[in-house]
Amino acid sequence: MTAAVVAMLLAGCTSGAVRSSTGKTGPTTRSGHASARPNGPSASSAAPAAESVLDCGAAAVVDVVAPLQVVLGVVALPISPGYPALQTSLSGDGHRALRLFAKTGLFFRPGATFELIVPAGFTSRLSIGWSTPSHRVVVRNCANPGGGGWLVLVGGYWIDYPACVPIIVRAGGKQQQVHIGVGKACPGQRPPQEPSQS
């Protein structure tokens, strides 16, 4: 796979095909979850869940994650300043904290166990998810029977208003906080490729 596949997933394209984690070819949006809107995973007007555990069987396989930055050796994220801020659009959800959605893939190494956490100061306005909105996403030892490569799921970030947001990554007894531009660039970061909703 080339960097073009990564760019397509991050831009929210839903056509094309990549290998699923079972080695079969399938659409890039194979999620195993119903989606009421074209923007991303289903979100309800209820408050976000405290935690969600990713469905390994829904992951596709890619070979390249550049230009994303790899954090703690396990997950590649669109963090500043090397990657432009994510574009947001109206989610159509009635819950204020889920008003805007920035669609992006979650790229991670097969066999990795890690967590992505919304810091306490942002839980009233930010949710993350690659199935349903939550404040903590857990990935546990997702296998790639074909070996090598990276696994990817499509989902993203829900927020009330565009912002540069902190995300905590925990893996292997280590923790790192990163910043992601969701509809608004972080310091030193390029703005979204197209105008975001505000």
N, C-alpha and C. Protein backbone atom coordinates (compact mmCIF):
# COMPACT_ATOMS: atom_id res chain seq x y z
N MET A 1 0.84 -1.18 0.00
CA MET A 1 0.00 0.00 0.00
C MET A 1 0.88 1.24 0.00
N THR A 2 0.37 2.31 -0.47
CA THR A 2 1.15 3.54 -0.54
C THR A 2 0.61 4.58 0.42
N ALA A 3 1.33 5.70 0.49
CA ALA A 3 0.88 6.80 1.33
C ALA A 3 -0.47 7.33 0.87
N ALA A 4 -0.81 7.09 -0.41
CA ALA A 4 -2.10 7.55 -0.93
C ALA A 4 -3.25 6.87 -0.21
N VAL A 5 -3.10 5.60 0.15
CA VAL A 5 -4.16 4.89 0.88
C VAL A 5 -4.35 5.52 2.24
N VAL A 6 -3.24 5.85 2.91
CA VAL A 6 -3.33 6.52 4.21
C VAL A 6 -4.05 7.85 4.06
N ALA A 7 -3.68 8.62 3.04
CA ALA A 7 -4.32 9.91 2.82
C ALA A 7 -5.81 9.76 2.56
N MET A 8 -6.20 8.73 1.79
CA MET A 8 -7.62 8.51 1.51
C MET A 8 -8.39 8.21 2.79
N LEU A 9 -7.82 7.36 3.65
CA LEU A 9 -8.50 7.03 4.89
C LEU A 9 -8.64 8.26 5.77
N LEU A 10 -7.58 9.05 5.87
CA LEU A 10 -7.61 10.23 6.72
C LEU A 10 -8.55 11.29 6.18
N ALA A 11 -8.67 11.37 4.88
CA ALA A 11 -9.55 12.37 4.27
C ALA A 11 -11.01 11.94 4.33
N GLY A 12 -11.27 10.71 4.76
CA GLY A 12 -12.64 10.26 4.90
C GLY A 12 -13.20 9.62 3.65
N CYS A 13 -12.33 9.27 2.69
CA CYS A 13 -12.83 8.59 1.49
C CYS A 13 -13.33 7.22 1.89
N THR A 14 -14.40 6.78 1.26
CA THR A 14 -14.95 5.48 1.62
C THR A 14 -14.89 4.49 0.47
N SER A 15 -14.30 4.89 -0.65
CA SER A 15 -14.20 3.95 -1.76
C SER A 15 -12.83 3.31 -1.75
N GLY A 16 -12.63 2.33 -2.61
CA GLY A 16 -11.34 1.65 -2.66
C GLY A 16 -11.36 0.45 -1.75
N ALA A 17 -10.25 -0.28 -1.73
CA ALA A 17 -10.20 -1.50 -0.93
C ALA A 17 -8.82 -1.67 -0.34
N VAL A 18 -8.80 -2.20 0.87
CA VAL A 18 -7.56 -2.62 1.49
C VAL A 18 -7.83 -3.97 2.13
N ARG A 19 -6.78 -4.65 2.53
CA ARG A 19 -6.96 -5.95 3.14
C ARG A 19 -7.56 -5.80 4.53
N SER A 20 -8.48 -6.67 4.89
CA SER A 20 -9.00 -6.67 6.24
C SER A 20 -8.00 -7.42 7.11
N SER A 21 -8.22 -7.42 8.42
CA SER A 21 -7.29 -8.11 9.31
C SER A 21 -7.36 -9.63 9.13
N THR A 22 -8.34 -10.10 8.37
CA THR A 22 -8.40 -11.52 8.09
C THR A 22 -7.67 -11.85 6.80
N GLY A 23 -7.11 -10.82 6.13
CA GLY A 23 -6.37 -11.04 4.89
C GLY A 23 -7.22 -10.89 3.65
N LYS A 24 -8.53 -10.73 3.81
CA LYS A 24 -9.42 -10.58 2.66
C LYS A 24 -9.48 -9.12 2.25
N THR A 25 -9.81 -8.89 0.98
CA THR A 25 -9.95 -7.52 0.49
C THR A 25 -11.35 -7.04 0.78
N GLY A 26 -11.44 -5.79 1.23
CA GLY A 26 -12.75 -5.24 1.54
C GLY A 26 -12.70 -3.73 1.54
N PRO A 27 -13.83 -3.06 1.60
CA PRO A 27 -13.85 -1.61 1.59
C PRO A 27 -13.16 -1.03 2.83
N THR A 28 -12.61 0.16 2.67
CA THR A 28 -11.88 0.78 3.76
C THR A 28 -12.76 1.11 4.95
N THR A 29 -14.06 1.13 4.78
CA THR A 29 -14.94 1.49 5.87
C THR A 29 -15.58 0.27 6.54
N ARG A 30 -15.02 -0.91 6.35
CA ARG A 30 -15.56 -2.09 7.03
C ARG A 30 -15.48 -1.87 8.52
N SER A 31 -16.60 -1.62 9.16
CA SER A 31 -16.53 -1.32 10.59
C SER A 31 -17.27 -2.33 11.45
N GLY A 32 -18.19 -3.06 10.87
CA GLY A 32 -18.96 -4.00 11.66
C GLY A 32 -20.04 -3.30 12.49
N HIS A 33 -20.16 -1.99 12.33
CA HIS A 33 -21.14 -1.23 13.09
C HIS A 33 -22.02 -0.45 12.11
N ALA A 34 -23.30 -0.34 12.43
CA ALA A 34 -24.19 0.46 11.59
C ALA A 34 -23.83 1.92 11.72
N SER A 35 -23.99 2.66 10.65
CA SER A 35 -23.72 4.09 10.69
C SER A 35 -24.92 4.84 10.15
N ALA A 36 -25.45 5.72 10.97
CA ALA A 36 -26.63 6.46 10.56
C ALA A 36 -26.27 7.63 9.66
N ARG A 37 -25.01 8.07 9.67
CA ARG A 37 -24.58 9.22 8.89
C ARG A 37 -23.33 8.86 8.13
N PRO A 38 -23.05 9.55 7.00
CA PRO A 38 -21.86 9.26 6.24
C PRO A 38 -20.58 9.75 6.91
N ASN A 39 -20.69 10.58 7.94
CA ASN A 39 -19.52 11.16 8.57
C ASN A 39 -18.69 10.17 9.37
N GLY A 40 -19.29 9.15 9.93
CA GLY A 40 -18.50 8.24 10.75
C GLY A 40 -19.37 7.32 11.55
N PRO A 41 -18.81 6.72 12.59
CA PRO A 41 -19.55 5.78 13.42
C PRO A 41 -20.79 6.43 14.01
N SER A 42 -21.76 5.60 14.32
CA SER A 42 -23.00 6.10 14.89
C SER A 42 -22.75 6.76 16.23
N ALA A 43 -23.41 7.86 16.46
CA ALA A 43 -23.38 8.52 17.75
C ALA A 43 -24.81 8.79 18.15
N SER A 44 -25.13 8.59 19.39
CA SER A 44 -26.49 8.85 19.84
C SER A 44 -26.52 10.18 20.55
N SER A 45 -27.71 10.67 20.84
CA SER A 45 -27.82 11.94 21.53
C SER A 45 -27.57 11.77 23.02
N ALA A 46 -27.29 10.55 23.47
CA ALA A 46 -26.93 10.31 24.87
C ALA A 46 -25.49 10.75 25.09
N ALA A 47 -25.12 10.91 26.35
CA ALA A 47 -23.75 11.29 26.68
C ALA A 47 -22.79 10.19 26.23
N PRO A 48 -21.55 10.56 25.87
CA PRO A 48 -20.56 9.58 25.44
C PRO A 48 -20.28 8.54 26.53
N ALA A 49 -19.86 7.35 26.12
CA ALA A 49 -19.51 6.30 27.06
C ALA A 49 -18.18 6.63 27.72
N ALA A 50 -17.96 6.08 28.90
CA ALA A 50 -16.69 6.30 29.60
C ALA A 50 -15.56 5.57 28.89
N GLU A 51 -15.85 4.37 28.35
CA GLU A 51 -14.81 3.55 27.73
C GLU A 51 -15.38 2.74 26.59
N SER A 52 -14.57 2.51 25.55
CA SER A 52 -14.94 1.59 24.48
C SER A 52 -13.72 0.74 24.15
N VAL A 53 -13.97 -0.53 23.85
CA VAL A 53 -12.91 -1.46 23.47
C VAL A 53 -13.06 -1.72 21.98
N LEU A 54 -11.97 -1.56 21.23
CA LEU A 54 -12.05 -1.69 19.78
C LEU A 54 -12.32 -3.12 19.35
N ASP A 55 -13.08 -3.26 18.26
CA ASP A 55 -13.39 -4.54 17.64
C ASP A 55 -12.27 -4.87 16.65
N CYS A 56 -11.39 -5.79 17.02
CA CYS A 56 -10.25 -6.13 16.17
C CYS A 56 -10.68 -6.65 14.81
N GLY A 57 -11.77 -7.37 14.75
CA GLY A 57 -12.22 -7.97 13.50
C GLY A 57 -12.64 -6.96 12.45
N ALA A 58 -12.88 -5.72 12.86
CA ALA A 58 -13.30 -4.69 11.92
C ALA A 58 -12.12 -3.97 11.26
N ALA A 59 -10.90 -4.27 11.70
CA ALA A 59 -9.73 -3.54 11.21
C ALA A 59 -9.30 -3.99 9.82
N ALA A 60 -8.80 -3.02 9.03
CA ALA A 60 -8.18 -3.30 7.73
C ALA A 60 -6.67 -3.21 7.92
N VAL A 61 -5.91 -3.62 6.91
CA VAL A 61 -4.45 -3.63 6.99
C VAL A 61 -3.87 -2.68 5.96
N VAL A 62 -2.91 -1.85 6.38
CA VAL A 62 -2.16 -0.98 5.49
C VAL A 62 -0.68 -1.17 5.77
N ASP A 63 0.15 -0.79 4.82
CA ASP A 63 1.59 -0.97 4.98
C ASP A 63 2.31 0.29 5.42
N VAL A 64 1.74 1.47 5.16
CA VAL A 64 2.42 2.74 5.41
C VAL A 64 1.53 3.65 6.24
N VAL A 65 2.11 4.37 7.20
CA VAL A 65 1.33 5.31 8.00
C VAL A 65 1.83 6.75 7.87
N ALA A 66 2.93 6.96 7.16
CA ALA A 66 3.44 8.33 6.96
C ALA A 66 2.36 9.16 6.27
N PRO A 67 2.20 10.42 6.61
CA PRO A 67 3.04 11.28 7.45
C PRO A 67 2.62 11.35 8.91
N LEU A 68 1.83 10.41 9.38
CA LEU A 68 1.43 10.41 10.78
C LEU A 68 2.65 10.16 11.67
N GLN A 69 2.56 10.57 12.94
CA GLN A 69 3.64 10.33 13.88
C GLN A 69 3.31 9.13 14.73
N VAL A 70 4.29 8.25 14.90
CA VAL A 70 4.11 7.07 15.73
C VAL A 70 4.38 7.45 17.19
N VAL A 71 3.44 7.11 18.06
CA VAL A 71 3.53 7.45 19.48
C VAL A 71 3.74 6.17 20.29
N LEU A 72 4.75 6.16 21.13
CA LEU A 72 5.10 5.03 21.99
C LEU A 72 5.25 3.72 21.21
N GLY A 73 5.55 3.84 19.92
CA GLY A 73 5.81 2.66 19.10
C GLY A 73 4.61 1.84 18.72
N VAL A 74 3.39 2.28 19.09
CA VAL A 74 2.21 1.43 18.88
C VAL A 74 1.09 2.04 18.06
N VAL A 75 0.95 3.37 18.05
CA VAL A 75 -0.18 4.01 17.37
C VAL A 75 0.32 5.23 16.60
N ALA A 76 -0.22 5.43 15.40
CA ALA A 76 0.16 6.57 14.56
C ALA A 76 -1.00 7.57 14.55
N LEU A 77 -0.70 8.82 14.94
CA LEU A 77 -1.74 9.82 15.12
C LEU A 77 -1.44 11.09 14.32
N PRO A 78 -2.49 11.86 13.97
CA PRO A 78 -2.31 13.11 13.22
C PRO A 78 -1.95 14.27 14.15
N ILE A 79 -0.79 14.17 14.80
CA ILE A 79 -0.43 15.16 15.80
C ILE A 79 0.36 16.32 15.21
N SER A 80 0.24 17.45 15.89
CA SER A 80 0.93 18.65 15.47
C SER A 80 2.40 18.56 15.87
N PRO A 81 3.31 19.28 15.18
CA PRO A 81 3.02 20.16 14.05
C PRO A 81 3.15 19.48 12.70
N GLY A 82 3.46 18.21 12.65
CA GLY A 82 3.76 17.55 11.38
C GLY A 82 2.59 17.23 10.49
N TYR A 83 1.38 17.30 11.00
CA TYR A 83 0.20 16.92 10.22
C TYR A 83 -0.82 18.05 10.31
N PRO A 84 -1.53 18.38 9.22
CA PRO A 84 -2.51 19.46 9.30
C PRO A 84 -3.65 19.12 10.26
N ALA A 85 -4.29 20.16 10.79
CA ALA A 85 -5.45 19.96 11.65
C ALA A 85 -6.53 19.19 10.89
N LEU A 86 -7.32 18.42 11.61
CA LEU A 86 -8.40 17.64 11.00
C LEU A 86 -9.58 18.55 10.69
N GLN A 87 -10.21 18.30 9.57
CA GLN A 87 -11.40 19.06 9.18
C GLN A 87 -12.61 18.54 9.94
N THR A 88 -13.46 19.44 10.41
CA THR A 88 -14.68 19.03 11.09
C THR A 88 -15.91 19.35 10.24
N SER A 89 -16.96 18.60 10.49
CA SER A 89 -18.25 18.87 9.86
C SER A 89 -19.32 18.63 10.91
N LEU A 90 -20.51 19.17 10.67
CA LEU A 90 -21.60 18.96 11.62
C LEU A 90 -21.94 17.49 11.67
N SER A 91 -22.07 16.96 12.88
CA SER A 91 -22.33 15.53 13.04
C SER A 91 -23.80 15.18 12.92
N GLY A 92 -24.67 16.14 13.15
CA GLY A 92 -26.10 15.85 13.13
C GLY A 92 -26.59 15.28 14.45
N ASP A 93 -25.70 15.24 15.45
CA ASP A 93 -26.06 14.70 16.76
C ASP A 93 -26.63 15.80 17.64
N GLY A 94 -27.60 15.45 18.47
CA GLY A 94 -28.22 16.43 19.35
C GLY A 94 -27.43 16.76 20.59
N HIS A 95 -26.47 15.95 20.97
CA HIS A 95 -25.68 16.18 22.17
C HIS A 95 -24.64 17.26 21.89
N ARG A 96 -24.60 18.31 22.69
CA ARG A 96 -23.74 19.47 22.44
C ARG A 96 -22.27 19.08 22.26
N ALA A 97 -21.76 18.18 23.09
CA ALA A 97 -20.35 17.81 23.01
C ALA A 97 -20.04 16.94 21.79
N LEU A 98 -21.07 16.50 21.08
CA LEU A 98 -20.86 15.68 19.88
C LEU A 98 -21.26 16.45 18.62
N ARG A 99 -21.31 17.78 18.70
CA ARG A 99 -21.84 18.62 17.62
C ARG A 99 -21.03 18.53 16.33
N LEU A 100 -19.71 18.50 16.44
CA LEU A 100 -18.83 18.44 15.27
C LEU A 100 -18.07 17.12 15.25
N PHE A 101 -17.78 16.63 14.04
CA PHE A 101 -17.06 15.37 13.91
C PHE A 101 -15.90 15.54 12.94
N ALA A 102 -14.73 15.03 13.33
CA ALA A 102 -13.54 15.01 12.47
C ALA A 102 -13.20 13.55 12.20
N LYS A 103 -13.43 13.12 10.98
CA LYS A 103 -13.23 11.72 10.61
C LYS A 103 -11.76 11.44 10.31
N THR A 104 -11.22 10.39 10.89
CA THR A 104 -9.84 9.99 10.63
C THR A 104 -9.65 8.53 11.03
N GLY A 105 -8.67 7.92 10.44
CA GLY A 105 -8.37 6.54 10.78
C GLY A 105 -7.54 6.45 12.05
N LEU A 106 -7.67 5.32 12.75
CA LEU A 106 -6.79 5.00 13.87
C LEU A 106 -5.87 3.89 13.39
N PHE A 107 -4.58 4.20 13.28
CA PHE A 107 -3.58 3.27 12.76
C PHE A 107 -2.76 2.74 13.93
N PHE A 108 -2.66 1.41 14.04
CA PHE A 108 -1.94 0.84 15.17
C PHE A 108 -1.28 -0.47 14.78
N ARG A 109 -0.24 -0.84 15.53
CA ARG A 109 0.52 -2.06 15.23
C ARG A 109 -0.23 -3.30 15.67
N PRO A 110 -0.22 -4.35 14.85
CA PRO A 110 -0.82 -5.61 15.27
C PRO A 110 -0.16 -6.10 16.57
N GLY A 111 -0.97 -6.64 17.46
CA GLY A 111 -0.45 -7.16 18.72
C GLY A 111 -0.27 -6.12 19.81
N ALA A 112 -0.45 -4.84 19.47
CA ALA A 112 -0.25 -3.77 20.45
C ALA A 112 -1.42 -3.69 21.43
N THR A 113 -1.10 -3.34 22.67
CA THR A 113 -2.11 -3.04 23.68
C THR A 113 -1.85 -1.62 24.15
N PHE A 114 -2.86 -0.77 24.04
CA PHE A 114 -2.68 0.63 24.44
C PHE A 114 -4.04 1.26 24.70
N GLU A 115 -3.99 2.48 25.25
CA GLU A 115 -5.20 3.25 25.53
C GLU A 115 -5.03 4.66 24.99
N LEU A 116 -6.12 5.24 24.51
CA LEU A 116 -6.20 6.66 24.18
C LEU A 116 -7.21 7.26 25.14
N ILE A 117 -6.81 8.35 25.81
CA ILE A 117 -7.64 8.89 26.87
C ILE A 117 -7.84 10.39 26.67
N VAL A 118 -9.09 10.84 26.82
CA VAL A 118 -9.39 12.27 26.82
C VAL A 118 -9.11 12.78 28.24
N PRO A 119 -8.21 13.76 28.41
CA PRO A 119 -7.93 14.27 29.76
C PRO A 119 -9.18 14.83 30.43
N ALA A 120 -9.20 14.79 31.75
CA ALA A 120 -10.38 15.19 32.53
C ALA A 120 -10.88 16.58 32.17
N GLY A 121 -9.98 17.51 31.89
CA GLY A 121 -10.39 18.87 31.58
C GLY A 121 -11.13 19.02 30.26
N PHE A 122 -11.13 17.97 29.43
CA PHE A 122 -11.78 18.05 28.11
C PHE A 122 -12.98 17.12 27.97
N THR A 123 -13.30 16.31 28.98
CA THR A 123 -14.37 15.32 28.82
C THR A 123 -15.75 15.93 28.61
N SER A 124 -15.94 17.19 29.00
CA SER A 124 -17.25 17.82 28.79
C SER A 124 -17.43 18.29 27.35
N ARG A 125 -16.34 18.28 26.55
CA ARG A 125 -16.47 18.81 25.19
C ARG A 125 -15.83 17.96 24.11
N LEU A 126 -15.12 16.89 24.46
CA LEU A 126 -14.42 16.07 23.47
C LEU A 126 -14.68 14.60 23.71
N SER A 127 -14.95 13.86 22.63
CA SER A 127 -15.05 12.40 22.68
C SER A 127 -14.25 11.84 21.52
N ILE A 128 -13.77 10.62 21.69
CA ILE A 128 -13.02 9.93 20.65
C ILE A 128 -13.65 8.57 20.42
N GLY A 129 -13.48 8.01 19.24
CA GLY A 129 -14.05 6.69 19.03
C GLY A 129 -13.86 6.16 17.64
N TRP A 130 -13.70 4.86 17.57
CA TRP A 130 -13.61 4.16 16.30
C TRP A 130 -14.66 3.06 16.29
N SER A 131 -15.73 3.31 17.04
CA SER A 131 -16.98 2.56 17.00
C SER A 131 -18.06 3.47 17.58
N THR A 132 -17.90 3.89 18.83
CA THR A 132 -18.85 4.82 19.45
C THR A 132 -18.08 5.89 20.21
N PRO A 133 -18.66 7.08 20.40
CA PRO A 133 -17.95 8.13 21.13
C PRO A 133 -17.71 7.72 22.58
N SER A 134 -16.51 7.95 23.07
CA SER A 134 -16.19 7.65 24.46
C SER A 134 -15.05 8.57 24.91
N HIS A 135 -14.65 8.42 26.16
CA HIS A 135 -13.55 9.22 26.69
C HIS A 135 -12.28 8.39 26.87
N ARG A 136 -12.38 7.10 26.64
CA ARG A 136 -11.21 6.22 26.76
C ARG A 136 -11.39 5.08 25.76
N VAL A 137 -10.43 4.93 24.86
CA VAL A 137 -10.47 3.86 23.87
C VAL A 137 -9.37 2.86 24.20
N VAL A 138 -9.73 1.59 24.28
CA VAL A 138 -8.79 0.53 24.64
C VAL A 138 -8.58 -0.39 23.44
N VAL A 139 -7.32 -0.66 23.12
CA VAL A 139 -6.97 -1.62 22.07
C VAL A 139 -6.20 -2.75 22.74
N ARG A 140 -6.64 -3.99 22.51
CA ARG A 140 -6.00 -5.13 23.17
C ARG A 140 -5.58 -6.18 22.15
N ASN A 141 -4.31 -6.22 21.85
CA ASN A 141 -3.69 -7.33 21.13
C ASN A 141 -4.44 -7.77 19.89
N CYS A 142 -4.74 -6.84 18.99
CA CYS A 142 -5.41 -7.18 17.74
C CYS A 142 -4.41 -7.87 16.80
N ALA A 143 -4.76 -9.01 16.30
CA ALA A 143 -3.85 -9.79 15.47
C ALA A 143 -4.00 -9.46 13.99
N ASN A 144 -2.91 -9.61 13.26
CA ASN A 144 -2.91 -9.55 11.80
C ASN A 144 -2.40 -10.90 11.32
N PRO A 145 -3.30 -11.81 10.91
CA PRO A 145 -2.87 -13.15 10.51
C PRO A 145 -1.84 -13.14 9.39
N GLY A 146 -1.85 -12.10 8.55
CA GLY A 146 -0.89 -12.01 7.45
C GLY A 146 0.49 -11.57 7.89
N GLY A 147 0.59 -11.02 9.10
CA GLY A 147 1.86 -10.54 9.62
C GLY A 147 2.23 -9.19 9.04
N GLY A 148 2.97 -8.40 9.82
CA GLY A 148 3.47 -7.10 9.36
C GLY A 148 2.38 -6.07 9.18
N GLY A 149 2.78 -4.94 8.66
CA GLY A 149 1.83 -3.86 8.37
C GLY A 149 1.26 -3.20 9.61
N TRP A 150 0.25 -2.41 9.39
CA TRP A 150 -0.49 -1.69 10.43
C TRP A 150 -1.96 -2.01 10.28
N LEU A 151 -2.69 -1.99 11.37
CA LEU A 151 -4.14 -2.14 11.34
C LEU A 151 -4.77 -0.75 11.38
N VAL A 152 -5.94 -0.60 10.79
CA VAL A 152 -6.61 0.70 10.77
C VAL A 152 -8.12 0.53 10.90
N LEU A 153 -8.71 1.43 11.66
CA LEU A 153 -10.15 1.54 11.79
C LEU A 153 -10.55 2.98 11.51
N VAL A 154 -11.73 3.18 10.94
CA VAL A 154 -12.20 4.53 10.65
C VAL A 154 -13.12 4.99 11.78
N GLY A 155 -12.89 6.19 12.24
CA GLY A 155 -13.68 6.80 13.31
C GLY A 155 -13.28 8.24 13.41
N GLY A 156 -13.04 8.72 14.62
CA GLY A 156 -12.56 10.07 14.75
C GLY A 156 -12.83 10.73 16.08
N TYR A 157 -12.99 12.05 16.00
CA TYR A 157 -13.08 12.91 17.17
C TYR A 157 -14.36 13.74 17.09
N TRP A 158 -15.13 13.76 18.19
CA TRP A 158 -16.31 14.60 18.31
C TRP A 158 -15.99 15.74 19.25
N ILE A 159 -16.41 16.95 18.91
CA ILE A 159 -16.11 18.10 19.76
C ILE A 159 -17.22 19.13 19.64
N ASP A 160 -17.35 19.98 20.66
CA ASP A 160 -18.38 21.02 20.61
C ASP A 160 -17.99 22.17 19.69
N TYR A 161 -16.72 22.62 19.77
CA TYR A 161 -16.20 23.70 18.92
C TYR A 161 -14.77 23.35 18.54
N PRO A 162 -14.29 23.79 17.36
CA PRO A 162 -12.92 23.48 16.94
C PRO A 162 -11.89 23.89 18.00
N ALA A 163 -10.87 23.03 18.19
CA ALA A 163 -9.86 23.30 19.20
C ALA A 163 -8.63 22.43 18.97
N CYS A 164 -7.53 22.84 19.56
CA CYS A 164 -6.34 22.00 19.65
C CYS A 164 -6.49 21.21 20.93
N VAL A 165 -6.63 19.89 20.82
CA VAL A 165 -6.99 19.08 21.99
C VAL A 165 -5.86 18.15 22.42
N PRO A 166 -5.75 17.91 23.73
CA PRO A 166 -4.77 16.95 24.22
C PRO A 166 -5.37 15.55 24.24
N ILE A 167 -4.56 14.57 23.93
CA ILE A 167 -4.94 13.16 24.04
C ILE A 167 -3.79 12.45 24.76
N ILE A 168 -4.13 11.61 25.73
CA ILE A 168 -3.12 10.84 26.46
C ILE A 168 -3.03 9.46 25.83
N VAL A 169 -1.80 9.03 25.52
CA VAL A 169 -1.55 7.68 25.00
C VAL A 169 -0.82 6.91 26.10
N ARG A 170 -1.34 5.72 26.45
CA ARG A 170 -0.69 4.84 27.44
C ARG A 170 -0.39 3.51 26.79
N ALA A 171 0.85 3.06 26.94
CA ALA A 171 1.25 1.74 26.40
C ALA A 171 2.52 1.28 27.09
N GLY A 172 2.58 0.00 27.41
CA GLY A 172 3.78 -0.58 27.98
C GLY A 172 4.28 0.10 29.23
N GLY A 173 3.38 0.56 30.08
CA GLY A 173 3.78 1.23 31.31
C GLY A 173 4.24 2.66 31.12
N LYS A 174 4.13 3.19 29.90
CA LYS A 174 4.52 4.57 29.62
C LYS A 174 3.30 5.39 29.26
N GLN A 175 3.43 6.70 29.35
CA GLN A 175 2.34 7.61 29.01
C GLN A 175 2.91 8.82 28.30
N GLN A 176 2.21 9.28 27.26
CA GLN A 176 2.62 10.49 26.54
C GLN A 176 1.38 11.28 26.17
N GLN A 177 1.43 12.59 26.37
CA GLN A 177 0.33 13.45 25.95
C GLN A 177 0.70 14.10 24.63
N VAL A 178 -0.22 14.05 23.67
CA VAL A 178 -0.02 14.65 22.36
C VAL A 178 -1.14 15.65 22.11
N HIS A 179 -0.98 16.49 21.09
CA HIS A 179 -2.02 17.47 20.75
C HIS A 179 -2.46 17.27 19.30
N ILE A 180 -3.77 17.30 19.09
CA ILE A 180 -4.36 17.09 17.78
C ILE A 180 -5.27 18.27 17.46
N GLY A 181 -5.08 18.86 16.30
CA GLY A 181 -5.94 19.95 15.87
C GLY A 181 -7.24 19.40 15.32
N VAL A 182 -8.34 19.69 15.99
CA VAL A 182 -9.66 19.21 15.57
C VAL A 182 -10.46 20.42 15.10
N GLY A 183 -10.38 20.69 13.79
CA GLY A 183 -11.06 21.84 13.21
C GLY A 183 -10.30 23.14 13.38
N LYS A 184 -9.25 23.13 14.18
CA LYS A 184 -8.44 24.32 14.45
C LYS A 184 -7.00 23.86 14.64
N ALA A 185 -6.06 24.58 14.02
CA ALA A 185 -4.66 24.18 14.09
C ALA A 185 -4.08 24.40 15.48
N CYS A 186 -3.23 23.46 15.90
CA CYS A 186 -2.42 23.62 17.10
C CYS A 186 -1.24 24.52 16.73
N PRO A 187 -0.51 25.08 17.71
CA PRO A 187 0.65 25.91 17.40
C PRO A 187 1.63 25.19 16.48
N GLY A 188 2.02 25.87 15.39
CA GLY A 188 2.97 25.30 14.44
C GLY A 188 2.36 24.35 13.42
N GLN A 189 1.06 24.11 13.52
CA GLN A 189 0.37 23.17 12.64
C GLN A 189 -0.34 23.91 11.51
N ARG A 190 -0.46 23.24 10.37
CA ARG A 190 -1.22 23.82 9.26
C ARG A 190 -2.72 23.72 9.57
N PRO A 191 -3.52 24.66 9.03
CA PRO A 191 -4.97 24.58 9.24
C PRO A 191 -5.55 23.39 8.49
N PRO A 192 -6.83 23.06 8.74
CA PRO A 192 -7.46 21.97 8.00
C PRO A 192 -7.36 22.22 6.50
N GLN A 193 -7.36 21.14 5.71
CA GLN A 193 -7.22 21.26 4.26
C GLN A 193 -8.39 21.99 3.63
N GLU A 194 -9.55 21.90 4.23
CA GLU A 194 -10.73 22.64 3.78
C GLU A 194 -11.33 23.32 4.99
N PRO A 195 -12.10 24.39 4.80
CA PRO A 195 -12.68 25.07 5.97
C PRO A 195 -13.52 24.11 6.82
N SER A 196 -13.37 24.23 8.12
CA SER A 196 -14.14 23.41 9.06
C SER A 196 -15.39 24.14 9.50
N GLN A 197 -16.38 23.37 9.95
CA GLN A 197 -17.56 23.97 10.58
C GLN A 197 -17.10 24.53 11.92
N SER A 198 -17.79 25.52 12.42
CA SER A 198 -17.44 26.05 13.73
C SER A 198 -18.64 26.17 14.63
